[in-house]
């Protein structure tokens, strides 16, 4: 699966319109927790939810995108289904809990 960094709100709006499911990963390059969690989230998507693309949002580079979704702590994960914010987890994120939350909606959506 290919991973991309969001560079502006217009790009994100198009991604949300064009995909049924999207996972946004908000963090900073200097966040150790975010760096440790990111590969685990990518692996989970690759193995369990291949139809949901992963997009990284660098909170230092695109603070306007982070602010629009009221993301002020890192890491934060937001999962969108059909363009709507469906799941939001911040700071201390359990991969099994995130997986279970996504699974319920993924089974219905796809």
C-alpha atoms as a PDB file:
ATOM      1  CA  UNK A   1       0.000   0.000   0.000  1.00  0.00           C
ATOM      2  CA  UNK A   2       1.190   3.469  -0.799  1.00  0.00           C
ATOM      3  CA  UNK A   3       1.273   6.159   1.891  1.00  0.00           C
ATOM      4  CA  UNK A   4       1.079   9.866   1.282  1.00  0.00           C
ATOM      5  CA  UNK A   5       1.478  13.083   3.232  1.00  0.00           C
ATOM      6  CA  UNK A   6      -1.324  15.633   3.053  1.00  0.00           C
ATOM      7  CA  UNK A   7      -0.044  19.047   2.008  1.00  0.00           C
ATOM      8  CA  UNK A   8      -3.214  21.173   2.097  1.00  0.00           C
ATOM      9  CA  UNK A   9      -6.933  21.144   2.860  1.00  0.00           C
ATOM     10  CA  UNK A  10      -8.014  21.108  -0.785  1.00  0.00           C
ATOM     11  CA  UNK A  11      -6.051  17.910  -1.378  1.00  0.00           C
ATOM     12  CA  UNK A  12      -7.638  16.316   1.692  1.00  0.00           C
ATOM     13  CA  UNK A  13     -11.142  17.349   0.605  1.00  0.00           C
ATOM     14  CA  UNK A  14     -10.611  15.586  -2.736  1.00  0.00           C
ATOM     15  CA  UNK A  15      -9.280  12.447  -1.010  1.00  0.00           C
ATOM     16  CA  UNK A  16     -12.319  12.325   1.268  1.00  0.00           C
ATOM     17  CA  UNK A  17     -14.650  12.711  -1.733  1.00  0.00           C
ATOM     18  CA  UNK A  18     -12.878  10.026  -3.785  1.00  0.00           C
ATOM     19  CA  UNK A  19     -12.532   7.286  -1.136  1.00  0.00           C
ATOM     20  CA  UNK A  20     -15.177   5.436   0.856  1.00  0.00           C
ATOM     21  CA  UNK A  21     -12.795   4.992   3.798  1.00  0.00           C
ATOM     22  CA  UNK A  22      -9.716   7.043   4.774  1.00  0.00           C
ATOM     23  CA  UNK A  23      -7.402   6.982   7.779  1.00  0.00           C
ATOM     24  CA  UNK A  24      -5.642  10.228   8.696  1.00  0.00           C
ATOM     25  CA  UNK A  25      -2.627   9.979  10.973  1.00  0.00           C
ATOM     26  CA  UNK A  26      -1.820  13.319  12.622  1.00  0.00           C
ATOM     27  CA  UNK A  27       1.616  13.675  14.186  1.00  0.00           C
ATOM     28  CA  UNK A  28       4.864  15.620  14.107  1.00  0.00           C
ATOM     29  CA  UNK A  29       8.280  14.471  12.930  1.00  0.00           C
ATOM     30  CA  UNK A  30       9.551  15.018  16.493  1.00  0.00           C
ATOM     31  CA  UNK A  31       6.902  12.857  18.208  1.00  0.00           C
ATOM     32  CA  UNK A  32       8.521   9.643  19.454  1.00  0.00           C
ATOM     33  CA  UNK A  33       5.187   8.028  20.296  1.00  0.00           C
ATOM     34  CA  UNK A  34       3.873   8.883  16.841  1.00  0.00           C
ATOM     35  CA  UNK A  35       6.960   7.429  15.170  1.00  0.00           C
ATOM     36  CA  UNK A  36       6.591   4.187  17.127  1.00  0.00           C
ATOM     37  CA  UNK A  37       2.863   3.832  16.489  1.00  0.00           C
ATOM     38  CA  UNK A  38       2.802   4.722  12.786  1.00  0.00           C
ATOM     39  CA  UNK A  39       4.282   1.439  11.437  1.00  0.00           C
ATOM     40  CA  UNK A  40       1.856  -0.561  13.588  1.00  0.00           C
ATOM     41  CA  UNK A  41      -1.117   1.334  12.166  1.00  0.00           C
ATOM     42  CA  UNK A  42       0.173   0.899   8.602  1.00  0.00           C
ATOM     43  CA  UNK A  43       0.677  -2.838   9.171  1.00  0.00           C
ATOM     44  CA  UNK A  44      -2.847  -3.179  10.586  1.00  0.00           C
ATOM     45  CA  UNK A  45      -4.319  -1.428   7.533  1.00  0.00           C
ATOM     46  CA  UNK A  46      -2.265  -3.523   5.117  1.00  0.00           C
ATOM     47  CA  UNK A  47      -3.264  -6.801   6.764  1.00  0.00           C
ATOM     48  CA  UNK A  48      -6.843  -6.163   7.872  1.00  0.00           C
ATOM     49  CA  UNK A  49      -8.229  -3.176   5.957  1.00  0.00           C
ATOM     50  CA  UNK A  50      -6.583  -2.946   2.527  1.00  0.00           C
ATOM     51  CA  UNK A  51      -9.365  -0.758   1.117  1.00  0.00           C
ATOM     52  CA  UNK A  52      -8.620   2.077   3.557  1.00  0.00           C
ATOM     53  CA  UNK A  53      -5.736   4.316   2.465  1.00  0.00           C
ATOM     54  CA  UNK A  54      -3.336   5.818   5.037  1.00  0.00           C
ATOM     55  CA  UNK A  55      -2.522   9.533   4.915  1.00  0.00           C
ATOM     56  CA  UNK A  56      -0.049  11.301   7.166  1.00  0.00           C
ATOM     57  CA  UNK A  57      -0.785  14.857   8.311  1.00  0.00           C
ATOM     58  CA  UNK A  58       2.299  16.669   9.634  1.00  0.00           C
ATOM     59  CA  UNK A  59       0.894  19.033  12.242  1.00  0.00           C
ATOM     60  CA  UNK A  60       3.873  21.379  11.880  1.00  0.00           C
ATOM     61  CA  UNK A  61       3.552  21.658   8.089  1.00  0.00           C
ATOM     62  CA  UNK A  62      -0.251  21.861   7.882  1.00  0.00           C
ATOM     63  CA  UNK A  63      -1.535  23.328  11.162  1.00  0.00           C
ATOM     64  CA  UNK A  64      -4.698  24.552   9.414  1.00  0.00           C
ATOM     65  CA  UNK A  65      -5.695  20.957   8.578  1.00  0.00           C
ATOM     66  CA  UNK A  66      -5.058  19.856  12.162  1.00  0.00           C
ATOM     67  CA  UNK A  67      -7.051  22.792  13.514  1.00  0.00           C
ATOM     68  CA  UNK A  68     -10.014  22.105  11.203  1.00  0.00           C
ATOM     69  CA  UNK A  69     -10.360  18.636  12.740  1.00  0.00           C
ATOM     70  CA  UNK A  70      -9.600  19.913  16.278  1.00  0.00           C
ATOM     71  CA  UNK A  71      -6.397  17.920  16.522  1.00  0.00           C
ATOM     72  CA  UNK A  72      -4.075  19.502  19.045  1.00  0.00           C
ATOM     73  CA  UNK A  73      -2.239  16.463  20.471  1.00  0.00           C
ATOM     74  CA  UNK A  74      -0.163  13.899  18.702  1.00  0.00           C
ATOM     75  CA  UNK A  75      -0.576  11.251  17.617  1.00  0.00           C
ATOM     76  CA  UNK A  76      -4.237  11.432  16.627  1.00  0.00           C
ATOM     77  CA  UNK A  77      -5.975   9.063  14.245  1.00  0.00           C
ATOM     78  CA  UNK A  78      -9.197   9.954  12.482  1.00  0.00           C
ATOM     79  CA  UNK A  79     -11.000   7.406  10.326  1.00  0.00           C
ATOM     80  CA  UNK A  80     -13.529   8.689   7.808  1.00  0.00           C
ATOM     81  CA  UNK A  81     -16.218   6.617   6.142  1.00  0.00           C
ATOM     82  CA  UNK A  82     -18.210   8.184   3.316  1.00  0.00           C
ATOM     83  CA  UNK A  83     -16.570  11.557   4.005  1.00  0.00           C
ATOM     84  CA  UNK A  84     -17.678  11.660   7.639  1.00  0.00           C
ATOM     85  CA  UNK A  85     -15.456  11.531  10.713  1.00  0.00           C
ATOM     86  CA  UNK A  86     -16.370   8.189  12.266  1.00  0.00           C
ATOM     87  CA  UNK A  87     -13.538   7.241  14.639  1.00  0.00           C
ATOM     88  CA  UNK A  88     -11.149   9.535  16.472  1.00  0.00           C
ATOM     89  CA  UNK A  89      -8.400   8.370  18.828  1.00  0.00           C
ATOM     90  CA  UNK A  90      -5.685  10.499  20.420  1.00  0.00           C
ATOM     91  CA  UNK A  91      -2.460  10.173  22.372  1.00  0.00           C
ATOM     92  CA  UNK A  92      -2.687   6.710  23.945  1.00  0.00           C
ATOM     93  CA  UNK A  93      -4.009   4.508  21.161  1.00  0.00           C
ATOM     94  CA  UNK A  94      -4.605   0.774  21.472  1.00  0.00           C
ATOM     95  CA  UNK A  95      -4.154  -1.030  18.159  1.00  0.00           C
ATOM     96  CA  UNK A  96      -6.635  -3.808  19.112  1.00  0.00           C
ATOM     97  CA  UNK A  97      -9.264  -1.220  20.127  1.00  0.00           C
ATOM     98  CA  UNK A  98      -8.705   0.740  16.916  1.00  0.00           C
ATOM     99  CA  UNK A  99      -8.906  -2.454  14.868  1.00  0.00           C
ATOM    100  CA  UNK A 100     -12.201  -3.464  16.497  1.00  0.00           C
ATOM    101  CA  UNK A 101     -13.707  -0.019  15.941  1.00  0.00           C
ATOM    102  CA  UNK A 102     -12.714  -0.022  12.259  1.00  0.00           C
ATOM    103  CA  UNK A 103     -13.805  -3.652  11.728  1.00  0.00           C
ATOM    104  CA  UNK A 104     -17.429  -2.954  12.678  1.00  0.00           C
ATOM    105  CA  UNK A 105     -17.806  -0.215  10.093  1.00  0.00           C
ATOM    106  CA  UNK A 106     -15.500  -1.792   7.472  1.00  0.00           C
ATOM    107  CA  UNK A 107     -17.658  -4.927   7.307  1.00  0.00           C
ATOM    108  CA  UNK A 108     -20.734  -2.824   6.578  1.00  0.00           C
ATOM    109  CA  UNK A 109     -19.066  -0.343   4.191  1.00  0.00           C
ATOM    110  CA  UNK A 110     -17.142  -2.849   2.090  1.00  0.00           C
END
